[in-house]
């Protein structure tokens, strides 16, 4: 805050003070005092006034400059009071205390929201574990009582199970690190696990699966990667339907190992591609069948980001979709070290 701007905030005080100085000078002249004496007294009054304002400005400048600087520097504005010292002038103390009260209130609100979010996450996880039991029982009953509707009923129950699992992973997506187990695996092991898990779905859709160069080692959490790959396989079956050709291929790059999942589906329109991983975005393909929730690719991107695995989606002009997971080689070193420590 400049001195002129400070004086601008004191315009009423300055106007009254200058009027008082002029009145005193005129009064002294009216009482017979020498004109120079009257001017000198008024000048001394004005000079003393400006000196007092300058001292007040110097006293307050450090606090206001620090306030403005810290306000621009920090992202969480409610933490501003914690960066300031209590000033030594009354208005500053009032401002500082008001900021402290506002910050404390915001801290309480944030803490309450975090507690509510944590309670909701724990409830969702508990609900998922509870509801999986009747789903598994229903699947077992259908398998033990084959009939005309057993196959479509099994398919729908598996879809329910997949959606329930998706909700659990969404609830845990903010705290991946609490359930993150890094270990050395090959791309082939990751793909084989997903294919076994989704065997019925792939057989029903008559999918042809191709695998290429999957012997490359990576460091990954198999459970989380299994969920991501399952989302990709489910999307491929959903949009490609029968006659699906699903291809898993591995490749090496200087700083990472790449796993690419490709299909021969309708692909993604160019205008939808930049937003296809946004939360809740379904695009043209999702709207046509009303079967998309807009959460699958969003969760894949979020979980990969938490695990520092690169995630990208491409759709060539000729059709089909290609999704690439990039496992950094630094994670492979960490995974090897972790495996060595665990074996001891």
C-alpha atoms as a PDB file:
ATOM      1  CA  UNK A   1       0.000   0.000   0.000  1.00  0.00           C
ATOM      2  CA  UNK A   2       1.481   3.342  -1.104  1.00  0.00           C
ATOM      3  CA  UNK A   3       1.481   6.493   1.034  1.00  0.00           C
ATOM      4  CA  UNK A   4      -0.825   8.316  -1.387  1.00  0.00           C
ATOM      5  CA  UNK A   5      -3.298   5.457  -1.252  1.00  0.00           C
ATOM      6  CA  UNK A   6      -3.100   5.542   2.529  1.00  0.00           C
ATOM      7  CA  UNK A   7      -3.852   9.282   2.490  1.00  0.00           C
ATOM      8  CA  UNK A   8      -6.750   8.611   0.134  1.00  0.00           C
ATOM      9  CA  UNK A   9      -8.368   6.564   2.870  1.00  0.00           C
ATOM     10  CA  UNK A  10      -7.964   9.508   5.252  1.00  0.00           C
ATOM     11  CA  UNK A  11      -9.571  12.125   2.982  1.00  0.00           C
ATOM     12  CA  UNK A  12     -12.314  13.094   5.431  1.00  0.00           C
ATOM     13  CA  UNK A  13      -9.842  13.466   8.301  1.00  0.00           C
ATOM     14  CA  UNK A  14      -7.509  15.513   6.075  1.00  0.00           C
ATOM     15  CA  UNK A  15     -10.346  17.724   4.873  1.00  0.00           C
ATOM     16  CA  UNK A  16     -11.480  18.515   8.422  1.00  0.00           C
ATOM     17  CA  UNK A  17      -7.898  19.055   9.638  1.00  0.00           C
ATOM     18  CA  UNK A  18      -7.003  21.411   6.770  1.00  0.00           C
ATOM     19  CA  UNK A  19     -10.235  23.302   7.331  1.00  0.00           C
ATOM     20  CA  UNK A  20      -9.333  23.623  11.015  1.00  0.00           C
ATOM     21  CA  UNK A  21      -5.834  24.886  10.168  1.00  0.00           C
ATOM     22  CA  UNK A  22      -7.302  27.476   7.771  1.00  0.00           C
ATOM     23  CA  UNK A  23      -9.819  28.588  10.376  1.00  0.00           C
ATOM     24  CA  UNK A  24      -7.092  28.971  13.027  1.00  0.00           C
ATOM     25  CA  UNK A  25      -4.965  31.068  10.636  1.00  0.00           C
ATOM     26  CA  UNK A  26      -7.916  33.325   9.822  1.00  0.00           C
ATOM     27  CA  UNK A  27      -8.791  33.616  13.524  1.00  0.00           C
ATOM     28  CA  UNK A  28      -5.254  34.663  14.420  1.00  0.00           C
ATOM     29  CA  UNK A  29      -5.298  37.268  11.637  1.00  0.00           C
ATOM     30  CA  UNK A  30      -8.653  38.563  12.882  1.00  0.00           C
ATOM     31  CA  UNK A  31      -7.258  38.897  16.399  1.00  0.00           C
ATOM     32  CA  UNK A  32      -4.491  41.154  15.106  1.00  0.00           C
ATOM     33  CA  UNK A  33      -1.653  38.659  14.826  1.00  0.00           C
ATOM     34  CA  UNK A  34       0.975  39.140  12.138  1.00  0.00           C
ATOM     35  CA  UNK A  35       0.119  37.424   8.847  1.00  0.00           C
ATOM     36  CA  UNK A  36       3.406  35.542   8.797  1.00  0.00           C
ATOM     37  CA  UNK A  37       2.805  34.336  12.349  1.00  0.00           C
ATOM     38  CA  UNK A  38      -0.665  33.121  11.437  1.00  0.00           C
ATOM     39  CA  UNK A  39       0.718  31.342   8.352  1.00  0.00           C
ATOM     40  CA  UNK A  40       3.545  29.832  10.432  1.00  0.00           C
ATOM     41  CA  UNK A  41       1.162  28.452  13.049  1.00  0.00           C
ATOM     42  CA  UNK A  42      -1.098  26.949  10.381  1.00  0.00           C
ATOM     43  CA  UNK A  43       1.935  25.511   8.584  1.00  0.00           C
ATOM     44  CA  UNK A  44       3.266  23.924  11.774  1.00  0.00           C
ATOM     45  CA  UNK A  45      -0.168  22.405  12.385  1.00  0.00           C
ATOM     46  CA  UNK A  46      -0.297  20.934   8.877  1.00  0.00           C
ATOM     47  CA  UNK A  47       3.318  19.701   9.068  1.00  0.00           C
ATOM     48  CA  UNK A  48       2.630  18.001  12.387  1.00  0.00           C
ATOM     49  CA  UNK A  49      -0.482  16.430  10.919  1.00  0.00           C
ATOM     50  CA  UNK A  50       1.437  15.034   7.909  1.00  0.00           C
ATOM     51  CA  UNK A  51       4.239  13.779  10.173  1.00  0.00           C
ATOM     52  CA  UNK A  52       1.706  11.953  12.356  1.00  0.00           C
ATOM     53  CA  UNK A  53       0.104  10.398   9.278  1.00  0.00           C
ATOM     54  CA  UNK A  54       3.508   9.342   7.941  1.00  0.00           C
ATOM     55  CA  UNK A  55       4.388   7.646  11.243  1.00  0.00           C
ATOM     56  CA  UNK A  56       1.012   5.897  11.259  1.00  0.00           C
ATOM     57  CA  UNK A  57       1.600   4.756   7.665  1.00  0.00           C
ATOM     58  CA  UNK A  58       5.052   3.370   8.521  1.00  0.00           C
ATOM     59  CA  UNK A  59       3.565   1.573  11.517  1.00  0.00           C
ATOM     60  CA  UNK A  60       0.840  -0.104   9.466  1.00  0.00           C
ATOM     61  CA  UNK A  61       2.665  -0.620   6.170  1.00  0.00           C
ATOM     62  CA  UNK A  62       4.530  -3.785   7.177  1.00  0.00           C
ATOM     63  CA  UNK A  63       1.332  -5.532   8.296  1.00  0.00           C
ATOM     64  CA  UNK A  64      -0.667  -4.615   5.195  1.00  0.00           C
ATOM     65  CA  UNK A  65       2.182  -5.460   2.836  1.00  0.00           C
ATOM     66  CA  UNK A  66       2.635  -8.843   4.500  1.00  0.00           C
ATOM     67  CA  UNK A  67      -1.133  -9.386   4.356  1.00  0.00           C
ATOM     68  CA  UNK A  68      -1.282  -8.640   0.606  1.00  0.00           C
ATOM     69  CA  UNK A  69       1.845 -10.695  -0.150  1.00  0.00           C
ATOM     70  CA  UNK A  70       0.687 -13.772   1.759  1.00  0.00           C
ATOM     71  CA  UNK A  71      -2.804 -13.507   0.285  1.00  0.00           C
ATOM     72  CA  UNK A  72      -1.326 -13.843  -3.199  1.00  0.00           C
ATOM     73  CA  UNK A  73       1.178 -16.549  -2.232  1.00  0.00           C
ATOM     74  CA  UNK A  74      -1.001 -19.191  -0.550  1.00  0.00           C
ATOM     75  CA  UNK A  75      -3.588 -21.390  -2.262  1.00  0.00           C
ATOM     76  CA  UNK A  76      -5.749 -22.100   0.779  1.00  0.00           C
ATOM     77  CA  UNK A  77      -6.877 -18.626   1.749  1.00  0.00           C
ATOM     78  CA  UNK A  78      -8.337 -19.745   5.058  1.00  0.00           C
ATOM     79  CA  UNK A  79      -4.779 -20.393   6.266  1.00  0.00           C
ATOM     80  CA  UNK A  80      -3.913 -16.695   5.917  1.00  0.00           C
ATOM     81  CA  UNK A  81      -4.138 -15.861   9.675  1.00  0.00           C
ATOM     82  CA  UNK A  82      -1.528 -18.537  10.440  1.00  0.00           C
ATOM     83  CA  UNK A  83       1.004 -16.661   8.280  1.00  0.00           C
ATOM     84  CA  UNK A  84       0.581 -13.287  10.038  1.00  0.00           C
ATOM     85  CA  UNK A  85       1.888 -11.917  13.340  1.00  0.00           C
ATOM     86  CA  UNK A  86      -0.453  -9.947  15.572  1.00  0.00           C
ATOM     87  CA  UNK A  87      -0.055  -6.230  14.682  1.00  0.00           C
ATOM     88  CA  UNK A  88       0.555  -3.487  17.251  1.00  0.00           C
ATOM     89  CA  UNK A  89      -2.226  -1.064  16.280  1.00  0.00           C
ATOM     90  CA  UNK A  90      -5.931  -1.351  17.159  1.00  0.00           C
ATOM     91  CA  UNK A  91      -7.399  -1.651  13.647  1.00  0.00           C
ATOM     92  CA  UNK A  92      -4.817  -4.265  12.715  1.00  0.00           C
ATOM     93  CA  UNK A  93      -5.568  -6.315  15.832  1.00  0.00           C
ATOM     94  CA  UNK A  94      -9.274  -6.225  15.020  1.00  0.00           C
ATOM     95  CA  UNK A  95      -8.582  -7.313  11.431  1.00  0.00           C
ATOM     96  CA  UNK A  96      -6.174 -10.054  12.572  1.00  0.00           C
ATOM     97  CA  UNK A  97      -8.637 -11.415  15.142  1.00  0.00           C
ATOM     98  CA  UNK A  98     -11.442 -11.391  12.579  1.00  0.00           C
ATOM     99  CA  UNK A  99      -9.237 -13.355  10.178  1.00  0.00           C
ATOM    100  CA  UNK A 100      -8.312 -15.820  12.944  1.00  0.00           C
ATOM    101  CA  UNK A 101     -11.973 -16.404  13.783  1.00  0.00           C
ATOM    102  CA  UNK A 102     -12.833 -16.850  10.112  1.00  0.00           C
ATOM    103  CA  UNK A 103      -9.919 -19.255   9.666  1.00  0.00           C
ATOM    104  CA  UNK A 104     -10.913 -21.252  12.743  1.00  0.00           C
ATOM    105  CA  UNK A 105     -14.483 -21.482  11.478  1.00  0.00           C
ATOM    106  CA  UNK A 106     -13.246 -22.710   8.095  1.00  0.00           C
ATOM    107  CA  UNK A 107     -10.949 -25.267   9.777  1.00  0.00           C
ATOM    108  CA  UNK A 108     -13.946 -26.591  11.700  1.00  0.00           C
ATOM    109  CA  UNK A 109     -16.018 -26.795   8.508  1.00  0.00           C
ATOM    110  CA  UNK A 110     -13.254 -28.602   6.630  1.00  0.00           C
ATOM    111  CA  UNK A 111     -12.744 -31.050   9.500  1.00  0.00           C
ATOM    112  CA  UNK A 112     -16.482 -31.745   9.665  1.00  0.00           C
ATOM    113  CA  UNK A 113     -16.649 -32.346   5.903  1.00  0.00           C
ATOM    114  CA  UNK A 114     -13.670 -34.693   6.079  1.00  0.00           C
ATOM    115  CA  UNK A 115     -15.248 -36.651   8.918  1.00  0.00           C
ATOM    116  CA  UNK A 116     -18.523 -36.914   7.007  1.00  0.00           C
ATOM    117  CA  UNK A 117     -16.687 -38.009   3.866  1.00  0.00           C
ATOM    118  CA  UNK A 118     -14.695 -40.613   5.774  1.00  0.00           C
ATOM    119  CA  UNK A 119     -17.842 -41.952   7.446  1.00  0.00           C
ATOM    120  CA  UNK A 120     -19.583 -42.172   4.060  1.00  0.00           C
ATOM    121  CA  UNK A 121     -16.596 -43.968   2.526  1.00  0.00           C
ATOM    122  CA  UNK A 122     -16.552 -46.475   5.381  1.00  0.00           C
ATOM    123  CA  UNK A 123     -20.305 -46.987   4.985  1.00  0.00           C
ATOM    124  CA  UNK A 124     -19.952 -47.627   1.240  1.00  0.00           C
ATOM    125  CA  UNK A 125     -17.147 -50.132   1.822  1.00  0.00           C
ATOM    126  CA  UNK A 126     -19.211 -51.920   4.492  1.00  0.00           C
ATOM    127  CA  UNK A 127     -22.274 -51.934   2.237  1.00  0.00           C
ATOM    128  CA  UNK A 128     -20.265 -53.341  -0.660  1.00  0.00           C
ATOM    129  CA  UNK A 129     -18.918 -56.187   1.464  1.00  0.00           C
ATOM    130  CA  UNK A 130     -22.406 -56.949   2.763  1.00  0.00           C
ATOM    131  CA  UNK A 131     -24.157 -56.844  -0.607  1.00  0.00           C
ATOM    132  CA  UNK A 132     -21.571 -59.059  -2.282  1.00  0.00           C
ATOM    133  CA  UNK A 133     -22.765 -62.006  -0.197  1.00  0.00           C
ATOM    134  CA  UNK A 134     -26.343 -62.116  -1.575  1.00  0.00           C
ATOM    135  CA  UNK A 135     -25.023 -61.472  -5.093  1.00  0.00           C
ATOM    136  CA  UNK A 136     -22.668 -64.438  -4.797  1.00  0.00           C
ATOM    137  CA  UNK A 137     -25.505 -66.557  -3.379  1.00  0.00           C
ATOM    138  CA  UNK A 138     -27.785 -65.575  -6.252  1.00  0.00           C
ATOM    139  CA  UNK A 139     -25.113 -66.504  -8.790  1.00  0.00           C
ATOM    140  CA  UNK A 140     -24.636 -69.863  -7.121  1.00  0.00           C
ATOM    141  CA  UNK A 141     -28.385 -70.548  -7.139  1.00  0.00           C
ATOM    142  CA  UNK A 142     -28.632 -69.705 -10.834  1.00  0.00           C
ATOM    143  CA  UNK A 143     -25.686 -71.951 -11.699  1.00  0.00           C
ATOM    144  CA  UNK A 144     -27.211 -74.830  -9.722  1.00  0.00           C
ATOM    145  CA  UNK A 145     -30.622 -74.413 -11.359  1.00  0.00           C
ATOM    146  CA  UNK A 146     -29.981 -74.056 -15.094  1.00  0.00           C
ATOM    147  CA  UNK A 147     -32.904 -73.073 -17.187  1.00  0.00           C
ATOM    148  CA  UNK A 148     -34.175 -70.792 -19.886  1.00  0.00           C
ATOM    149  CA  UNK A 149     -33.431 -67.588 -18.052  1.00  0.00           C
ATOM    150  CA  UNK A 150     -30.301 -68.692 -16.192  1.00  0.00           C
ATOM    151  CA  UNK A 151     -27.860 -67.268 -18.742  1.00  0.00           C
ATOM    152  CA  UNK A 152     -29.391 -63.734 -19.008  1.00  0.00           C
ATOM    153  CA  UNK A 153     -29.950 -63.701 -15.244  1.00  0.00           C
ATOM    154  CA  UNK A 154     -26.315 -64.613 -14.643  1.00  0.00           C
ATOM    155  CA  UNK A 155     -25.235 -61.841 -16.996  1.00  0.00           C
ATOM    156  CA  UNK A 156     -27.298 -59.240 -15.155  1.00  0.00           C
ATOM    157  CA  UNK A 157     -26.083 -60.433 -11.754  1.00  0.00           C
ATOM    158  CA  UNK A 158     -22.498 -60.105 -12.928  1.00  0.00           C
ATOM    159  CA  UNK A 159     -23.238 -56.587 -14.136  1.00  0.00           C
ATOM    160  CA  UNK A 160     -24.635 -55.742 -10.701  1.00  0.00           C
ATOM    161  CA  UNK A 161     -21.525 -57.211  -9.100  1.00  0.00           C
ATOM    162  CA  UNK A 162     -19.287 -55.116 -11.377  1.00  0.00           C
ATOM    163  CA  UNK A 163     -21.190 -51.922 -10.552  1.00  0.00           C
ATOM    164  CA  UNK A 164     -21.006 -52.665  -6.837  1.00  0.00           C
ATOM    165  CA  UNK A 165     -17.273 -53.197  -7.107  1.00  0.00           C
ATOM    166  CA  UNK A 166     -16.941 -49.962  -9.088  1.00  0.00           C
ATOM    167  CA  UNK A 167     -18.616 -48.070  -6.249  1.00  0.00           C
ATOM    168  CA  UNK A 168     -16.121 -49.549  -3.777  1.00  0.00           C
ATOM    169  CA  UNK A 169     -13.132 -48.542  -5.879  1.00  0.00           C
ATOM    170  CA  UNK A 170     -14.608 -45.079  -6.317  1.00  0.00           C
ATOM    171  CA  UNK A 171     -14.952 -44.738  -2.538  1.00  0.00           C
ATOM    172  CA  UNK A 172     -11.315 -45.796  -2.110  1.00  0.00           C
ATOM    173  CA  UNK A 173      -9.944 -43.749  -5.003  1.00  0.00           C
ATOM    174  CA  UNK A 174      -8.963 -40.833  -2.741  1.00  0.00           C
ATOM    175  CA  UNK A 175      -6.890 -43.068  -0.484  1.00  0.00           C
ATOM    176  CA  UNK A 176      -5.204 -45.538  -2.812  1.00  0.00           C
ATOM    177  CA  UNK A 177      -1.979 -45.343  -0.808  1.00  0.00           C
ATOM    178  CA  UNK A 178      -3.629 -47.061   2.187  1.00  0.00           C
ATOM    179  CA  UNK A 179      -4.295 -50.202   0.133  1.00  0.00           C
ATOM    180  CA  UNK A 180      -1.368 -50.079  -2.285  1.00  0.00           C
ATOM    181  CA  UNK A 181       0.908 -53.120  -2.596  1.00  0.00           C
ATOM    182  CA  UNK A 182       3.666 -52.715  -5.156  1.00  0.00           C
ATOM    183  CA  UNK A 183       5.252 -55.911  -6.459  1.00  0.00           C
ATOM    184  CA  UNK A 184       7.014 -57.229  -9.550  1.00  0.00           C
ATOM    185  CA  UNK A 185       4.715 -58.886 -12.114  1.00  0.00           C
ATOM    186  CA  UNK A 186       4.720 -59.362 -15.855  1.00  0.00           C
ATOM    187  CA  UNK A 187       2.193 -57.887 -18.214  1.00  0.00           C
ATOM    188  CA  UNK A 188       1.146 -61.445 -19.045  1.00  0.00           C
ATOM    189  CA  UNK A 189       0.218 -62.126 -15.411  1.00  0.00           C
ATOM    190  CA  UNK A 190      -1.902 -58.979 -15.258  1.00  0.00           C
ATOM    191  CA  UNK A 191      -3.692 -59.825 -18.509  1.00  0.00           C
ATOM    192  CA  UNK A 192      -4.221 -63.495 -17.629  1.00  0.00           C
ATOM    193  CA  UNK A 193      -5.834 -62.542 -14.324  1.00  0.00           C
ATOM    194  CA  UNK A 194      -8.286 -60.229 -16.075  1.00  0.00           C
ATOM    195  CA  UNK A 195      -9.110 -62.781 -18.775  1.00  0.00           C
ATOM    196  CA  UNK A 196      -9.848 -65.464 -16.187  1.00  0.00           C
ATOM    197  CA  UNK A 197     -12.064 -63.109 -14.265  1.00  0.00           C
ATOM    198  CA  UNK A 198     -14.043 -62.074 -17.344  1.00  0.00           C
ATOM    199  CA  UNK A 199     -13.984 -65.430 -19.145  1.00  0.00           C
ATOM    200  CA  UNK A 200     -17.779 -65.882 -19.175  1.00  0.00           C
ATOM    201  CA  UNK A 201     -18.335 -62.391 -20.512  1.00  0.00           C
ATOM    202  CA  UNK A 202     -15.771 -62.836 -23.290  1.00  0.00           C
ATOM    203  CA  UNK A 203     -17.087 -66.287 -24.250  1.00  0.00           C
ATOM    204  CA  UNK A 204     -20.639 -65.000 -24.402  1.00  0.00           C
ATOM    205  CA  UNK A 205     -19.618 -62.130 -26.671  1.00  0.00           C
ATOM    206  CA  UNK A 206     -17.519 -64.529 -28.795  1.00  0.00           C
ATOM    207  CA  UNK A 207     -14.483 -62.338 -28.377  1.00  0.00           C
ATOM    208  CA  UNK A 208     -11.182 -63.198 -30.011  1.00  0.00           C
ATOM    209  CA  UNK A 209      -8.284 -62.301 -27.723  1.00  0.00           C
ATOM    210  CA  UNK A 210      -4.782 -61.615 -29.001  1.00  0.00           C
ATOM    211  CA  UNK A 211      -1.690 -61.280 -26.819  1.00  0.00           C
ATOM    212  CA  UNK A 212       1.659 -59.945 -27.917  1.00  0.00           C
ATOM    213  CA  UNK A 213       4.947 -59.318 -26.082  1.00  0.00           C
ATOM    214  CA  UNK A 214       3.494 -59.624 -22.577  1.00  0.00           C
ATOM    215  CA  UNK A 215       6.589 -61.053 -20.919  1.00  0.00           C
ATOM    216  CA  UNK A 216       7.807 -57.583 -19.900  1.00  0.00           C
ATOM    217  CA  UNK A 217       8.152 -57.045 -16.130  1.00  0.00           C
ATOM    218  CA  UNK A 218       6.548 -54.108 -14.337  1.00  0.00           C
ATOM    219  CA  UNK A 219       5.932 -53.066 -10.738  1.00  0.00           C
ATOM    220  CA  UNK A 220       2.240 -52.681  -9.990  1.00  0.00           C
ATOM    221  CA  UNK A 221      -0.567 -53.374  -7.559  1.00  0.00           C
ATOM    222  CA  UNK A 222      -2.302 -56.307  -9.225  1.00  0.00           C
ATOM    223  CA  UNK A 223      -5.682 -55.720  -7.571  1.00  0.00           C
ATOM    224  CA  UNK A 224      -5.983 -52.104  -8.733  1.00  0.00           C
ATOM    225  CA  UNK A 225      -4.623 -52.844 -12.219  1.00  0.00           C
ATOM    226  CA  UNK A 226      -7.015 -55.789 -12.444  1.00  0.00           C
ATOM    227  CA  UNK A 227      -9.921 -53.432 -11.785  1.00  0.00           C
ATOM    228  CA  UNK A 228      -8.674 -50.961 -14.425  1.00  0.00           C
ATOM    229  CA  UNK A 229      -8.229 -53.662 -17.073  1.00  0.00           C
ATOM    230  CA  UNK A 230     -11.641 -55.104 -16.221  1.00  0.00           C
ATOM    231  CA  UNK A 231     -13.197 -51.706 -16.894  1.00  0.00           C
ATOM    232  CA  UNK A 232     -11.483 -51.614 -20.283  1.00  0.00           C
ATOM    233  CA  UNK A 233     -12.594 -55.149 -21.174  1.00  0.00           C
ATOM    234  CA  UNK A 234     -16.168 -54.402 -20.075  1.00  0.00           C
ATOM    235  CA  UNK A 235     -16.243 -51.254 -22.194  1.00  0.00           C
ATOM    236  CA  UNK A 236     -14.928 -53.149 -25.199  1.00  0.00           C
ATOM    237  CA  UNK A 237     -17.633 -55.829 -24.862  1.00  0.00           C
ATOM    238  CA  UNK A 238     -20.324 -53.227 -24.232  1.00  0.00           C
ATOM    239  CA  UNK A 239     -19.632 -51.182 -27.354  1.00  0.00           C
ATOM    240  CA  UNK A 240     -18.207 -53.788 -29.757  1.00  0.00           C
ATOM    241  CA  UNK A 241     -20.706 -56.544 -29.014  1.00  0.00           C
ATOM    242  CA  UNK A 242     -20.293 -59.907 -30.756  1.00  0.00           C
ATOM    243  CA  UNK A 243     -17.312 -60.342 -33.030  1.00  0.00           C
ATOM    244  CA  UNK A 244     -15.084 -58.429 -30.638  1.00  0.00           C
ATOM    245  CA  UNK A 245     -11.354 -58.624 -31.295  1.00  0.00           C
ATOM    246  CA  UNK A 246      -9.462 -57.682 -28.159  1.00  0.00           C
ATOM    247  CA  UNK A 247      -5.712 -57.206 -28.328  1.00  0.00           C
ATOM    248  CA  UNK A 248      -3.247 -56.860 -25.449  1.00  0.00           C
ATOM    249  CA  UNK A 249       0.263 -55.805 -26.435  1.00  0.00           C
ATOM    250  CA  UNK A 250       3.360 -54.768 -24.552  1.00  0.00           C
ATOM    251  CA  UNK A 251       6.127 -52.419 -25.609  1.00  0.00           C
ATOM    252  CA  UNK A 252       9.240 -50.899 -24.088  1.00  0.00           C
ATOM    253  CA  UNK A 253      10.026 -47.184 -24.052  1.00  0.00           C
ATOM    254  CA  UNK A 254      13.119 -45.477 -22.603  1.00  0.00           C
ATOM    255  CA  UNK A 255      11.445 -44.602 -19.291  1.00  0.00           C
ATOM    256  CA  UNK A 256       8.458 -46.909 -19.114  1.00  0.00           C
ATOM    257  CA  UNK A 257       6.810 -50.173 -20.110  1.00  0.00           C
ATOM    258  CA  UNK A 258       3.561 -49.762 -22.047  1.00  0.00           C
ATOM    259  CA  UNK A 259       0.548 -52.074 -21.981  1.00  0.00           C
ATOM    260  CA  UNK A 260      -1.942 -51.295 -24.769  1.00  0.00           C
ATOM    261  CA  UNK A 261      -5.487 -52.642 -24.873  1.00  0.00           C
ATOM    262  CA  UNK A 262      -7.113 -52.311 -28.304  1.00  0.00           C
ATOM    263  CA  UNK A 263     -10.495 -53.321 -29.682  1.00  0.00           C
ATOM    264  CA  UNK A 264     -12.348 -53.176 -32.991  1.00  0.00           C
ATOM    265  CA  UNK A 265     -15.380 -51.341 -31.649  1.00  0.00           C
ATOM    266  CA  UNK A 266     -16.985 -48.204 -33.102  1.00  0.00           C
ATOM    267  CA  UNK A 267     -14.290 -45.992 -31.633  1.00  0.00           C
ATOM    268  CA  UNK A 268     -14.679 -42.579 -30.029  1.00  0.00           C
ATOM    269  CA  UNK A 269     -15.774 -39.525 -32.031  1.00  0.00           C
ATOM    270  CA  UNK A 270     -12.984 -36.902 -32.288  1.00  0.00           C
ATOM    271  CA  UNK A 271     -15.088 -34.291 -30.494  1.00  0.00           C
ATOM    272  CA  UNK A 272     -15.616 -36.660 -27.514  1.00  0.00           C
ATOM    273  CA  UNK A 273     -12.017 -37.840 -27.207  1.00  0.00           C
ATOM    274  CA  UNK A 274     -10.664 -34.884 -25.134  1.00  0.00           C
ATOM    275  CA  UNK A 275     -13.464 -35.342 -22.556  1.00  0.00           C
ATOM    276  CA  UNK A 276     -13.831 -39.120 -22.549  1.00  0.00           C
ATOM    277  CA  UNK A 277     -12.099 -39.429 -19.139  1.00  0.00           C
ATOM    278  CA  UNK A 278     -14.086 -36.644 -17.489  1.00  0.00           C
ATOM    279  CA  UNK A 279     -16.316 -37.602 -14.611  1.00  0.00           C
ATOM    280  CA  UNK A 280     -19.864 -38.392 -15.761  1.00  0.00           C
ATOM    281  CA  UNK A 281     -19.164 -37.798 -19.469  1.00  0.00           C
ATOM    282  CA  UNK A 282     -20.859 -40.427 -21.662  1.00  0.00           C
ATOM    283  CA  UNK A 283     -20.457 -39.025 -25.179  1.00  0.00           C
ATOM    284  CA  UNK A 284     -22.340 -40.051 -28.300  1.00  0.00           C
ATOM    285  CA  UNK A 285     -21.765 -43.796 -27.880  1.00  0.00           C
ATOM    286  CA  UNK A 286     -22.961 -43.749 -24.279  1.00  0.00           C
ATOM    287  CA  UNK A 287     -26.121 -41.831 -25.120  1.00  0.00           C
ATOM    288  CA  UNK A 288     -27.067 -44.085 -28.011  1.00  0.00           C
ATOM    289  CA  UNK A 289     -27.568 -47.145 -25.825  1.00  0.00           C
ATOM    290  CA  UNK A 290     -28.214 -45.415 -22.471  1.00  0.00           C
ATOM    291  CA  UNK A 291     -25.897 -47.907 -20.790  1.00  0.00           C
ATOM    292  CA  UNK A 292     -22.943 -45.720 -19.868  1.00  0.00           C
ATOM    293  CA  UNK A 293     -22.447 -44.090 -16.482  1.00  0.00           C
ATOM    294  CA  UNK A 294     -19.425 -41.998 -17.435  1.00  0.00           C
ATOM    295  CA  UNK A 295     -17.473 -43.364 -14.463  1.00  0.00           C
ATOM    296  CA  UNK A 296     -15.393 -46.230 -15.889  1.00  0.00           C
ATOM    297  CA  UNK A 297     -12.656 -44.327 -17.735  1.00  0.00           C
ATOM    298  CA  UNK A 298     -12.766 -41.552 -15.145  1.00  0.00           C
ATOM    299  CA  UNK A 299     -11.945 -44.038 -12.390  1.00  0.00           C
ATOM    300  CA  UNK A 300      -9.222 -45.614 -14.532  1.00  0.00           C
ATOM    301  CA  UNK A 301      -7.567 -42.228 -15.040  1.00  0.00           C
ATOM    302  CA  UNK A 302      -7.839 -41.268 -11.363  1.00  0.00           C
ATOM    303  CA  UNK A 303      -6.465 -44.579 -10.093  1.00  0.00           C
ATOM    304  CA  UNK A 304      -3.606 -44.544 -12.606  1.00  0.00           C
ATOM    305  CA  UNK A 305      -2.766 -41.012 -11.516  1.00  0.00           C
ATOM    306  CA  UNK A 306      -2.661 -42.099  -7.875  1.00  0.00           C
ATOM    307  CA  UNK A 307      -0.301 -44.961  -8.778  1.00  0.00           C
ATOM    308  CA  UNK A 308       1.805 -42.747 -11.101  1.00  0.00           C
ATOM    309  CA  UNK A 309       0.896 -44.931 -14.071  1.00  0.00           C
ATOM    310  CA  UNK A 310       0.367 -43.063 -17.329  1.00  0.00           C
ATOM    311  CA  UNK A 311      -3.100 -43.393 -18.858  1.00  0.00           C
ATOM    312  CA  UNK A 312      -4.090 -42.341 -22.367  1.00  0.00           C
ATOM    313  CA  UNK A 313      -6.961 -43.080 -24.750  1.00  0.00           C
ATOM    314  CA  UNK A 314      -6.739 -42.978 -28.543  1.00  0.00           C
ATOM    315  CA  UNK A 315      -9.185 -43.731 -31.312  1.00  0.00           C
ATOM    316  CA  UNK A 316      -7.854 -43.998 -34.885  1.00  0.00           C
ATOM    317  CA  UNK A 317     -10.025 -42.656 -37.734  1.00  0.00           C
ATOM    318  CA  UNK A 318     -10.801 -46.164 -38.985  1.00  0.00           C
ATOM    319  CA  UNK A 319     -12.571 -47.146 -35.763  1.00  0.00           C
ATOM    320  CA  UNK A 320     -11.608 -49.008 -32.619  1.00  0.00           C
ATOM    321  CA  UNK A 321     -10.262 -47.754 -29.323  1.00  0.00           C
ATOM    322  CA  UNK A 322      -6.777 -48.067 -27.905  1.00  0.00           C
ATOM    323  CA  UNK A 323      -5.955 -47.467 -24.237  1.00  0.00           C
ATOM    324  CA  UNK A 324      -2.349 -47.397 -23.022  1.00  0.00           C
ATOM    325  CA  UNK A 325      -1.010 -47.866 -19.497  1.00  0.00           C
ATOM    326  CA  UNK A 326       2.547 -46.637 -18.971  1.00  0.00           C
ATOM    327  CA  UNK A 327       4.368 -48.207 -16.025  1.00  0.00           C
ATOM    328  CA  UNK A 328       7.452 -46.144 -15.099  1.00  0.00           C
ATOM    329  CA  UNK A 329      10.732 -48.025 -14.807  1.00  0.00           C
ATOM    330  CA  UNK A 330      11.443 -46.264 -11.491  1.00  0.00           C
ATOM    331  CA  UNK A 331       8.431 -48.094 -10.046  1.00  0.00           C
ATOM    332  CA  UNK A 332       9.924 -51.377 -11.251  1.00  0.00           C
ATOM    333  CA  UNK A 333      13.066 -50.683  -9.234  1.00  0.00           C
ATOM    334  CA  UNK A 334      10.926 -49.859  -6.194  1.00  0.00           C
ATOM    335  CA  UNK A 335       8.923 -53.040  -6.728  1.00  0.00           C
ATOM    336  CA  UNK A 336      12.060 -55.186  -6.886  1.00  0.00           C
ATOM    337  CA  UNK A 337      13.378 -53.571  -3.701  1.00  0.00           C
ATOM    338  CA  UNK A 338      10.043 -54.122  -1.987  1.00  0.00           C
ATOM    339  CA  UNK A 339       9.945 -57.785  -3.002  1.00  0.00           C
ATOM    340  CA  UNK A 340      13.503 -58.250  -1.682  1.00  0.00           C
ATOM    341  CA  UNK A 341      12.605 -56.707   1.677  1.00  0.00           C
ATOM    342  CA  UNK A 342       9.388 -58.744   1.940  1.00  0.00           C
ATOM    343  CA  UNK A 343      11.168 -62.052   1.259  1.00  0.00           C
ATOM    344  CA  UNK A 344      13.551 -61.388   4.133  1.00  0.00           C
END
